[in-house]
Amino acid sequence: MNNAALNELHTLRDLLRYAVSRFNAAQLSFGHGSDNAWDEAVYLLLHVLHLPLDTLEPFLDARLTTEEKKRCLEIVERRLDERVPAAYLTGEAWLQGHRFAVDPRVIVPRSPISELLVEALQPWIADPDEVDYVLDLCTGSGCLAILAALAFPNAQVDAVDLSEHALEVADLNIEQFGLDGRVATHRSDLFDQLPQCLYQLIVCNPPYVNDHSMESLPPEYRHEPTMALAGGDDGMEIVRRLLRDAPRFLDEGGVLVLEIGNEYENFVNAFPELEPVWLSTANTEDQILMLTREQLAS
């Protein structure tokens, strides 16, 4: 504990300035819910103080008690010393306005597929009410499966992961959202142990980070499960299996929505015969693709 900081910092504004300076000086890596030191500091301190995460201004000049300052400084020091994502310090991550429980058993929810799901993948899916079965492969925390259940109110959603530990977190989130009856988890290596079913929609945020990129990941990302990130030599190891087997599980007219992160060139090189639709989000242009059952089957 920095006793000088404890004695000399008095308001939330003081603590925020201190945290941002420390985060910048340490050259922390962001990308697990925020992309800069200010937003990260605001989130962590408001969380510790049990204040609304979207309401900062009224509290900036509020003086903190000694105990509150201690708790704030402790989480700032942990973020600096341990170099873990903020979500692992708070036990939660926010995606599209929804709170998900997270811990190091799962990667921190951040998939831009979430932006497409809250819009029910329109116009690609004409009527969300007519979607009966959705599959979320590599579900991790279950966040995309849950968002799919909210977007397609009549759908049964299957959430699949190879990691038993990840599915424990997914089950917790499914219960917290009251979706036990509509979202079911399955332990399976992609489709291998999954009961046969025809889905109108399959979404997947698979491990896709290529070997070279894995070697240079910042410390924050190294705290996440390796099996949820590593995609082999060109990042396409899991994707190849996925595209090979997906047609057997897609209904006629069904679509696959797949995230590949920064692996656009590797994807194009691996699958030159495919002509997917590239789906744009607020911050991505070539990281999410859509393929129909007919394209995959051919």
Foldseek 3Di string as FASTA:
>chain_A
DPVVLLVPQWFQLSLLVVLLVLCVVLVAQDDQQDGHRNLLLLQLLCLLVVHDSVDDVVRGGPTDDSVSVVSSVVLSVCCRPVSAYSCQVNQWHADPRDIAGDHQQFRRDDDLVLVCLLVVVPPLPPDLQPFAEEEEEQCQLVVVQVSNCVSRVNYAYEYEDQDPSSVVNNVVRCVVVVNVPRYHYDNDLQCHPPPAAAGQEYEYEAAQDAPVVVVVDPSNVVSHDPRRHYQYHLSCNSVVVCLQPVLRRHDANHKYKYFRPPSQVSVCVVCVPADWDFDDDPPDTHGITMDTSVRSVD
